[in-house]
Amino acid sequence: MPKPRTQTGGKNLIANRLKELRKLHGWSQRDLAHQLQLIDCDMDKNVITRIETNKRYVTDLELKALCQIFKVSYDDLIDDAEESQ
C-alpha cells in the first residue's frame, strides 16, 4: 500500500509552516535541532532539512515536540500549513 502524500506530492503538511516558525524565532535548522534535543526529541539538522523540503514524514511524537518548542497548537502547526499549500 502506498504511503499517503499531500496534494502536491509532499510527505508532510508542515514543511512551509515549520520553516516559517523557525525563521520567526531567528533559528537556523541546527538551532532548532538543538532545541528539540534539549527536550529529548532526537532530530538533527538533516532531519529538519528533509521535513522542510517535504521529503520526510513527521511522526506524532515529533509533531508534539515541535508544538512544544514553538508554543503552538497542533491546529496552528497543521491547519496553517494546509492553508499555505
PDB file of N, CA and C in Angstrom:
ATOM      1  N   MET A   1       0.843  -1.179   0.000  1.00  0.00           N
ATOM      2  CA  MET A   1       0.000   0.000   0.000  1.00  0.00           C
ATOM      3  C   MET A   1       0.891   1.246   0.000  1.00  0.00           C
ATOM      4  N   PRO A   2       0.671   2.159  -0.929  1.00  0.00           N
ATOM      5  CA  PRO A   2       1.491   3.366  -0.979  1.00  0.00           C
ATOM      6  C   PRO A   2       1.212   4.275   0.223  1.00  0.00           C
ATOM      7  N   LYS A   3       2.240   4.981   0.656  1.00  0.00           N
ATOM      8  CA  LYS A   3       2.076   5.903   1.773  1.00  0.00           C
ATOM      9  C   LYS A   3       1.370   7.159   1.291  1.00  0.00           C
ATOM     10  N   PRO A   4       0.585   7.783   2.165  1.00  0.00           N
ATOM     11  CA  PRO A   4      -0.155   8.983   1.756  1.00  0.00           C
ATOM     12  C   PRO A   4       0.768  10.163   1.490  1.00  0.00           C
ATOM     13  N   ARG A   5       0.322  11.006   0.590  1.00  0.00           N
ATOM     14  CA  ARG A   5       1.064  12.229   0.255  1.00  0.00           C
ATOM     15  C   ARG A   5       0.088  13.391   0.175  1.00  0.00           C
ATOM     16  N   THR A   6       0.618  14.593   0.250  1.00  0.00           N
ATOM     17  CA  THR A   6      -0.215  15.780   0.125  1.00  0.00           C
ATOM     18  C   THR A   6      -0.663  15.931  -1.326  1.00  0.00           C
ATOM     19  N   GLN A   7      -1.516  16.884  -1.573  1.00  0.00           N
ATOM     20  CA  GLN A   7      -1.995  17.117  -2.940  1.00  0.00           C
ATOM     21  C   GLN A   7      -0.858  17.491  -3.881  1.00  0.00           C
ATOM     22  N   THR A   8       0.186  18.088  -3.336  1.00  0.00           N
ATOM     23  CA  THR A   8       1.323  18.479  -4.169  1.00  0.00           C
ATOM     24  C   THR A   8       2.403  17.404  -4.217  1.00  0.00           C
ATOM     25  N   GLY A   9       2.148  16.259  -3.585  1.00  0.00           N
ATOM     26  CA  GLY A   9       3.083  15.153  -3.632  1.00  0.00           C
ATOM     27  C   GLY A   9       4.064  15.104  -2.477  1.00  0.00           C
ATOM     28  N   GLY A  10       3.915  16.028  -1.527  1.00  0.00           N
ATOM     29  CA  GLY A  10       4.822  16.065  -0.383  1.00  0.00           C
ATOM     30  C   GLY A  10       4.527  14.977   0.632  1.00  0.00           C
ATOM     31  N   LYS A  11       5.454  14.800   1.560  1.00  0.00           N
ATOM     32  CA  LYS A  11       5.319  13.763   2.564  1.00  0.00           C
ATOM     33  C   LYS A  11       4.824  14.277   3.909  1.00  0.00           C
ATOM     34  N   ASN A  12       4.603  15.581   4.027  1.00  0.00           N
ATOM     35  CA  ASN A  12       4.049  16.122   5.270  1.00  0.00           C
ATOM     36  C   ASN A  12       3.281  17.403   4.986  1.00  0.00           C
ATOM     37  N   LEU A  13       2.523  17.842   5.981  1.00  0.00           N
ATOM     38  CA  LEU A  13       1.722  19.053   5.830  1.00  0.00           C
ATOM     39  C   LEU A  13       2.391  20.286   6.422  1.00  0.00           C
ATOM     40  N   ILE A  14       3.485  20.100   7.139  1.00  0.00           N
ATOM     41  CA  ILE A  14       4.022  21.207   7.918  1.00  0.00           C
ATOM     42  C   ILE A  14       5.287  21.841   7.353  1.00  0.00           C
ATOM     43  N   ALA A  15       5.754  21.420   6.215  1.00  0.00           N
ATOM     44  CA  ALA A  15       7.047  21.881   5.680  1.00  0.00           C
ATOM     45  C   ALA A  15       7.178  23.410   5.689  1.00  0.00           C
ATOM     46  N   ASN A  16       6.252  24.095   5.068  1.00  0.00           N
ATOM     47  CA  ASN A  16       6.341  25.552   4.970  1.00  0.00           C
ATOM     48  C   ASN A  16       6.122  26.223   6.313  1.00  0.00           C
ATOM     49  N   ARG A  17       5.164  25.715   7.086  1.00  0.00           N
ATOM     50  CA  ARG A  17       4.872  26.299   8.403  1.00  0.00           C
ATOM     51  C   ARG A  17       6.059  26.120   9.351  1.00  0.00           C
ATOM     52  N   LEU A  18       6.704  24.977   9.311  1.00  0.00           N
ATOM     53  CA  LEU A  18       7.872  24.741  10.155  1.00  0.00           C
ATOM     54  C   LEU A  18       8.973  25.742   9.824  1.00  0.00           C
ATOM     55  N   LYS A  19       9.226  25.918   8.561  1.00  0.00           N
ATOM     56  CA  LYS A  19      10.256  26.863   8.126  1.00  0.00           C
ATOM     57  C   LYS A  19       9.908  28.287   8.580  1.00  0.00           C
ATOM     58  N   GLU A  20       8.637  28.638   8.436  1.00  0.00           N
ATOM     59  CA  GLU A  20       8.164  29.963   8.843  1.00  0.00           C
ATOM     60  C   GLU A  20       8.357  30.178  10.353  1.00  0.00           C
ATOM     61  N   LEU A  21       7.938  29.202  11.160  1.00  0.00           N
ATOM     62  CA  LEU A  21       8.082  29.321  12.613  1.00  0.00           C
ATOM     63  C   LEU A  21       9.548  29.380  13.028  1.00  0.00           C
ATOM     64  N   ARG A  22      10.362  28.561  12.397  1.00  0.00           N
ATOM     65  CA  ARG A  22      11.790  28.549  12.710  1.00  0.00           C
ATOM     66  C   ARG A  22      12.418  29.913  12.431  1.00  0.00           C
ATOM     67  N   LYS A  23      12.081  30.495  11.291  1.00  0.00           N
ATOM     68  CA  LYS A  23      12.643  31.801  10.929  1.00  0.00           C
ATOM     69  C   LYS A  23      12.102  32.911  11.831  1.00  0.00           C
ATOM     70  N   LEU A  24      10.825  32.814  12.246  1.00  0.00           N
ATOM     71  CA  LEU A  24      10.258  33.798  13.170  1.00  0.00           C
ATOM     72  C   LEU A  24      11.025  33.811  14.492  1.00  0.00           C
ATOM     73  N   HIS A  25      11.534  32.674  14.890  1.00  0.00           N
ATOM     74  CA  HIS A  25      12.315  32.573  16.119  1.00  0.00           C
ATOM     75  C   HIS A  25      13.796  32.920  15.891  1.00  0.00           C
ATOM     76  N   GLY A  26      14.164  33.151  14.637  1.00  0.00           N
ATOM     77  CA  GLY A  26      15.544  33.501  14.319  1.00  0.00           C
ATOM     78  C   GLY A  26      16.511  32.337  14.472  1.00  0.00           C
ATOM     79  N   TRP A  27      16.004  31.115  14.278  1.00  0.00           N
ATOM     80  CA  TRP A  27      16.818  29.914  14.454  1.00  0.00           C
ATOM     81  C   TRP A  27      17.245  29.336  13.117  1.00  0.00           C
ATOM     82  N   SER A  28      18.439  28.815  13.095  1.00  0.00           N
ATOM     83  CA  SER A  28      18.876  28.008  11.962  1.00  0.00           C
ATOM     84  C   SER A  28      18.295  26.608  12.148  1.00  0.00           C
ATOM     85  N   GLN A  29      18.443  25.776  11.160  1.00  0.00           N
ATOM     86  CA  GLN A  29      17.987  24.390  11.307  1.00  0.00           C
ATOM     87  C   GLN A  29      18.765  23.698  12.428  1.00  0.00           C
ATOM     88  N   ARG A  30      20.023  24.012  12.543  1.00  0.00           N
ATOM     89  CA  ARG A  30      20.858  23.436  13.607  1.00  0.00           C
ATOM     90  C   ARG A  30      20.375  23.902  14.986  1.00  0.00           C
ATOM     91  N   ASP A  31      19.992  25.189  15.090  1.00  0.00           N
ATOM     92  CA  ASP A  31      19.467  25.713  16.358  1.00  0.00           C
ATOM     93  C   ASP A  31      18.183  24.977  16.756  1.00  0.00           C
ATOM     94  N   LEU A  32      17.295  24.776  15.791  1.00  0.00           N
ATOM     95  CA  LEU A  32      16.047  24.070  16.074  1.00  0.00           C
ATOM     96  C   LEU A  32      16.336  22.638  16.507  1.00  0.00           C
ATOM     97  N   ALA A  33      17.236  21.978  15.819  1.00  0.00           N
ATOM     98  CA  ALA A  33      17.593  20.608  16.194  1.00  0.00           C
ATOM     99  C   ALA A  33      18.117  20.572  17.627  1.00  0.00           C
ATOM    100  N   HIS A  34      18.919  21.549  17.998  1.00  0.00           N
ATOM    101  CA  HIS A  34      19.446  21.615  19.358  1.00  0.00           C
ATOM    102  C   HIS A  34      18.316  21.794  20.377  1.00  0.00           C
ATOM    103  N   GLN A  35      17.378  22.694  20.074  1.00  0.00           N
ATOM    104  CA  GLN A  35      16.235  22.904  20.974  1.00  0.00           C
ATOM    105  C   GLN A  35      15.430  21.611  21.148  1.00  0.00           C
ATOM    106  N   LEU A  36      15.238  20.894  20.066  1.00  0.00           N
ATOM    107  CA  LEU A  36      14.486  19.635  20.130  1.00  0.00           C
ATOM    108  C   LEU A  36      15.247  18.591  20.945  1.00  0.00           C
ATOM    109  N   GLN A  37      16.556  18.551  20.794  1.00  0.00           N
ATOM    110  CA  GLN A  37      17.356  17.583  21.544  1.00  0.00           C
ATOM    111  C   GLN A  37      17.327  17.886  23.040  1.00  0.00           C
ATOM    112  N   LEU A  38      17.174  19.147  23.408  1.00  0.00           N
ATOM    113  CA  LEU A  38      17.078  19.511  24.823  1.00  0.00           C
ATOM    114  C   LEU A  38      15.822  18.951  25.484  1.00  0.00           C
ATOM    115  N   ILE A  39      14.790  18.663  24.678  1.00  0.00           N
ATOM    116  CA  ILE A  39      13.568  18.070  25.245  1.00  0.00           C
ATOM    117  C   ILE A  39      13.463  16.590  24.861  1.00  0.00           C
ATOM    118  N   ASP A  40      14.607  15.988  24.583  1.00  0.00           N
ATOM    119  CA  ASP A  40      14.701  14.547  24.292  1.00  0.00           C
ATOM    120  C   ASP A  40      14.000  14.108  23.013  1.00  0.00           C
ATOM    121  N   CYS A  41      13.965  14.994  22.027  1.00  0.00           N
ATOM    122  CA  CYS A  41      13.467  14.626  20.698  1.00  0.00           C
ATOM    123  C   CYS A  41      14.690  14.578  19.783  1.00  0.00           C
ATOM    124  N   ASP A  42      15.089  13.380  19.419  1.00  0.00           N
ATOM    125  CA  ASP A  42      16.337  13.183  18.692  1.00  0.00           C
ATOM    126  C   ASP A  42      16.175  13.486  17.208  1.00  0.00           C
ATOM    127  N   MET A  43      16.330  14.759  16.877  1.00  0.00           N
ATOM    128  CA  MET A  43      16.279  15.199  15.482  1.00  0.00           C
ATOM    129  C   MET A  43      17.527  16.035  15.236  1.00  0.00           C
ATOM    130  N   ASP A  44      18.180  15.790  14.112  1.00  0.00           N
ATOM    131  CA  ASP A  44      19.341  16.605  13.779  1.00  0.00           C
ATOM    132  C   ASP A  44      19.003  17.552  12.624  1.00  0.00           C
ATOM    133  N   LYS A  45      19.988  18.348  12.228  1.00  0.00           N
ATOM    134  CA  LYS A  45      19.781  19.336  11.158  1.00  0.00           C
ATOM    135  C   LYS A  45      19.295  18.685   9.867  1.00  0.00           C
ATOM    136  N   ASN A  46      19.819  17.505   9.556  1.00  0.00           N
ATOM    137  CA  ASN A  46      19.431  16.829   8.323  1.00  0.00           C
ATOM    138  C   ASN A  46      17.952  16.424   8.348  1.00  0.00           C
ATOM    139  N   VAL A  47      17.467  16.036   9.499  1.00  0.00           N
ATOM    140  CA  VAL A  47      16.045  15.693   9.622  1.00  0.00           C
ATOM    141  C   VAL A  47      15.193  16.938   9.391  1.00  0.00           C
ATOM    142  N   ILE A  48      15.582  18.046   9.996  1.00  0.00           N
ATOM    143  CA  ILE A  48      14.847  19.314   9.811  1.00  0.00           C
ATOM    144  C   ILE A  48      14.843  19.689   8.330  1.00  0.00           C
ATOM    145  N   THR A  49      15.971  19.560   7.670  1.00  0.00           N
ATOM    146  CA  THR A  49      16.061  19.870   6.240  1.00  0.00           C
ATOM    147  C   THR A  49      15.085  19.006   5.442  1.00  0.00           C
ATOM    148  N   ARG A  50      15.068  17.723   5.717  1.00  0.00           N
ATOM    149  CA  ARG A  50      14.198  16.811   4.963  1.00  0.00           C
ATOM    150  C   ARG A  50      12.721  17.102   5.216  1.00  0.00           C
ATOM    151  N   ILE A  51      12.375  17.503   6.438  1.00  0.00           N
ATOM    152  CA  ILE A  51      10.977  17.862   6.724  1.00  0.00           C
ATOM    153  C   ILE A  51      10.623  19.142   5.969  1.00  0.00           C
ATOM    154  N   GLU A  52      11.487  20.149   6.053  1.00  0.00           N
ATOM    155  CA  GLU A  52      11.206  21.438   5.407  1.00  0.00           C
ATOM    156  C   GLU A  52      11.178  21.341   3.888  1.00  0.00           C
ATOM    157  N   THR A  53      11.855  20.370   3.317  1.00  0.00           N
ATOM    158  CA  THR A  53      11.822  20.192   1.863  1.00  0.00           C
ATOM    159  C   THR A  53      10.796  19.137   1.458  1.00  0.00           C
ATOM    160  N   ASN A  54       9.984  18.716   2.428  1.00  0.00           N
ATOM    161  CA  ASN A  54       8.866  17.804   2.187  1.00  0.00           C
ATOM    162  C   ASN A  54       9.314  16.426   1.700  1.00  0.00           C
ATOM    163  N   LYS A  55      10.474  15.996   2.147  1.00  0.00           N
ATOM    164  CA  LYS A  55      10.994  14.700   1.731  1.00  0.00           C
ATOM    165  C   LYS A  55      10.955  13.671   2.855  1.00  0.00           C
ATOM    166  N   ARG A  56      10.307  14.033   3.980  1.00  0.00           N
ATOM    167  CA  ARG A  56      10.260  13.127   5.123  1.00  0.00           C
ATOM    168  C   ARG A  56       8.911  13.246   5.821  1.00  0.00           C
ATOM    169  N   TYR A  57       8.394  12.102   6.227  1.00  0.00           N
ATOM    170  CA  TYR A  57       7.187  12.083   7.041  1.00  0.00           C
ATOM    171  C   TYR A  57       7.530  12.550   8.447  1.00  0.00           C
ATOM    172  N   VAL A  58       6.532  13.064   9.176  1.00  0.00           N
ATOM    173  CA  VAL A  58       6.719  13.535  10.543  1.00  0.00           C
ATOM    174  C   VAL A  58       5.876  12.659  11.463  1.00  0.00           C
ATOM    175  N   THR A  59       6.490  12.162  12.528  1.00  0.00           N
ATOM    176  CA  THR A  59       5.750  11.313  13.465  1.00  0.00           C
ATOM    177  C   THR A  59       4.920  12.169  14.418  1.00  0.00           C
ATOM    178  N   ASP A  60       3.985  11.520  15.083  1.00  0.00           N
ATOM    179  CA  ASP A  60       3.168  12.238  16.056  1.00  0.00           C
ATOM    180  C   ASP A  60       4.017  12.754  17.217  1.00  0.00           C
ATOM    181  N   LEU A  61       5.030  12.006  17.621  1.00  0.00           N
ATOM    182  CA  LEU A  61       5.918  12.456  18.701  1.00  0.00           C
ATOM    183  C   LEU A  61       6.712  13.696  18.279  1.00  0.00           C
ATOM    184  N   GLU A  62       7.119  13.727  17.025  1.00  0.00           N
ATOM    185  CA  GLU A  62       7.843  14.894  16.509  1.00  0.00           C
ATOM    186  C   GLU A  62       6.916  16.103  16.415  1.00  0.00           C
ATOM    187  N   LEU A  63       5.676  15.894  15.992  1.00  0.00           N
ATOM    188  CA  LEU A  63       4.702  16.992  15.948  1.00  0.00           C
ATOM    189  C   LEU A  63       4.499  17.579  17.337  1.00  0.00           C
ATOM    190  N   LYS A  64       4.355  16.692  18.315  1.00  0.00           N
ATOM    191  CA  LYS A  64       4.164  17.146  19.692  1.00  0.00           C
ATOM    192  C   LYS A  64       5.353  17.978  20.155  1.00  0.00           C
ATOM    193  N   ALA A  65       6.557  17.516  19.872  1.00  0.00           N
ATOM    194  CA  ALA A  65       7.770  18.239  20.269  1.00  0.00           C
ATOM    195  C   ALA A  65       7.851  19.602  19.581  1.00  0.00           C
ATOM    196  N   LEU A  66       7.524  19.660  18.304  1.00  0.00           N
ATOM    197  CA  LEU A  66       7.556  20.930  17.572  1.00  0.00           C
ATOM    198  C   LEU A  66       6.537  21.916  18.135  1.00  0.00           C
ATOM    199  N   CYS A  67       5.354  21.424  18.462  1.00  0.00           N
ATOM    200  CA  CYS A  67       4.335  22.284  19.076  1.00  0.00           C
ATOM    201  C   CYS A  67       4.832  22.821  20.411  1.00  0.00           C
ATOM    202  N   GLN A  68       5.493  21.981  21.174  1.00  0.00           N
ATOM    203  CA  GLN A  68       6.027  22.382  22.475  1.00  0.00           C
ATOM    204  C   GLN A  68       7.115  23.443  22.313  1.00  0.00           C
ATOM    205  N   ILE A  69       8.029  23.224  21.397  1.00  0.00           N
ATOM    206  CA  ILE A  69       9.133  24.168  21.175  1.00  0.00           C
ATOM    207  C   ILE A  69       8.613  25.537  20.729  1.00  0.00           C
ATOM    208  N   PHE A  70       7.671  25.533  19.786  1.00  0.00           N
ATOM    209  CA  PHE A  70       7.173  26.794  19.230  1.00  0.00           C
ATOM    210  C   PHE A  70       5.981  27.364  19.992  1.00  0.00           C
ATOM    211  N   LYS A  71       5.484  26.597  20.993  1.00  0.00           N
ATOM    212  CA  LYS A  71       4.339  27.030  21.793  1.00  0.00           C
ATOM    213  C   LYS A  71       3.123  27.330  20.913  1.00  0.00           C
ATOM    214  N   VAL A  72       2.829  26.387  20.020  1.00  0.00           N
ATOM    215  CA  VAL A  72       1.650  26.471  19.160  1.00  0.00           C
ATOM    216  C   VAL A  72       0.852  25.184  19.317  1.00  0.00           C
ATOM    217  N   SER A  73      -0.405  25.240  18.934  1.00  0.00           N
ATOM    218  CA  SER A  73      -1.247  24.049  18.987  1.00  0.00           C
ATOM    219  C   SER A  73      -1.029  23.212  17.726  1.00  0.00           C
ATOM    220  N   TYR A  74      -1.523  21.977  17.778  1.00  0.00           N
ATOM    221  CA  TYR A  74      -1.473  21.137  16.584  1.00  0.00           C
ATOM    222  C   TYR A  74      -2.182  21.831  15.429  1.00  0.00           C
ATOM    223  N   ASP A  75      -3.337  22.432  15.737  1.00  0.00           N
ATOM    224  CA  ASP A  75      -4.093  23.129  14.693  1.00  0.00           C
ATOM    225  C   ASP A  75      -3.270  24.243  14.064  1.00  0.00           C
ATOM    226  N   ASP A  76      -2.558  24.999  14.895  1.00  0.00           N
ATOM    227  CA  ASP A  76      -1.725  26.086  14.364  1.00  0.00           C
ATOM    228  C   ASP A  76      -0.617  25.550  13.470  1.00  0.00           C
ATOM    229  N   LEU A  77      -0.078  24.413  13.843  1.00  0.00           N
ATOM    230  CA  LEU A  77       1.017  23.835  13.061  1.00  0.00           C
ATOM    231  C   LEU A  77       0.508  23.196  11.770  1.00  0.00           C
ATOM    232  N   ILE A  78      -0.579  22.452  11.873  1.00  0.00           N
ATOM    233  CA  ILE A  78      -1.067  21.692  10.716  1.00  0.00           C
ATOM    234  C   ILE A  78      -2.040  22.485   9.857  1.00  0.00           C
ATOM    235  N   ASP A  79      -3.039  23.103  10.460  1.00  0.00           N
ATOM    236  CA  ASP A  79      -4.034  23.834   9.666  1.00  0.00           C
ATOM    237  C   ASP A  79      -3.433  25.021   8.933  1.00  0.00           C
ATOM    238  N   ASP A  80      -2.562  25.773   9.597  1.00  0.00           N
ATOM    239  CA  ASP A  80      -1.901  26.886   8.920  1.00  0.00           C
ATOM    240  C   ASP A  80      -1.050  26.366   7.774  1.00  0.00           C
ATOM    241  N   ALA A  81      -0.468  25.205   7.970  1.00  0.00           N
ATOM    242  CA  ALA A  81       0.364  24.608   6.921  1.00  0.00           C
ATOM    243  C   ALA A  81      -0.491  24.204   5.735  1.00  0.00           C
ATOM    244  N   GLU A  82      -1.664  23.628   6.001  1.00  0.00           N
ATOM    245  CA  GLU A  82      -2.546  23.202   4.911  1.00  0.00           C
ATOM    246  C   GLU A  82      -3.011  24.387   4.092  1.00  0.00           C
ATOM    247  N   GLU A  83      -3.319  25.500   4.768  1.00  0.00           N
ATOM    248  CA  GLU A  83      -3.811  26.682   4.069  1.00  0.00           C
ATOM    249  C   GLU A  83      -2.749  27.295   3.152  1.00  0.00           C
ATOM    250  N   SER A  84      -1.481  27.134   3.527  1.00  0.00           N
ATOM    251  CA  SER A  84      -0.425  27.742   2.716  1.00  0.00           C
ATOM    252  C   SER A  84      -0.043  26.890   1.503  1.00  0.00           C
ATOM    253  N   GLN A  85      -0.592  25.662   1.414  1.00  0.00           N
ATOM    254  CA  GLN A  85      -0.227  24.788   0.281  1.00  0.00           C
ATOM    255  C   GLN A  85      -1.118  24.978  -0.895  1.00  0.00           C
TER     256      GLN A  85
END
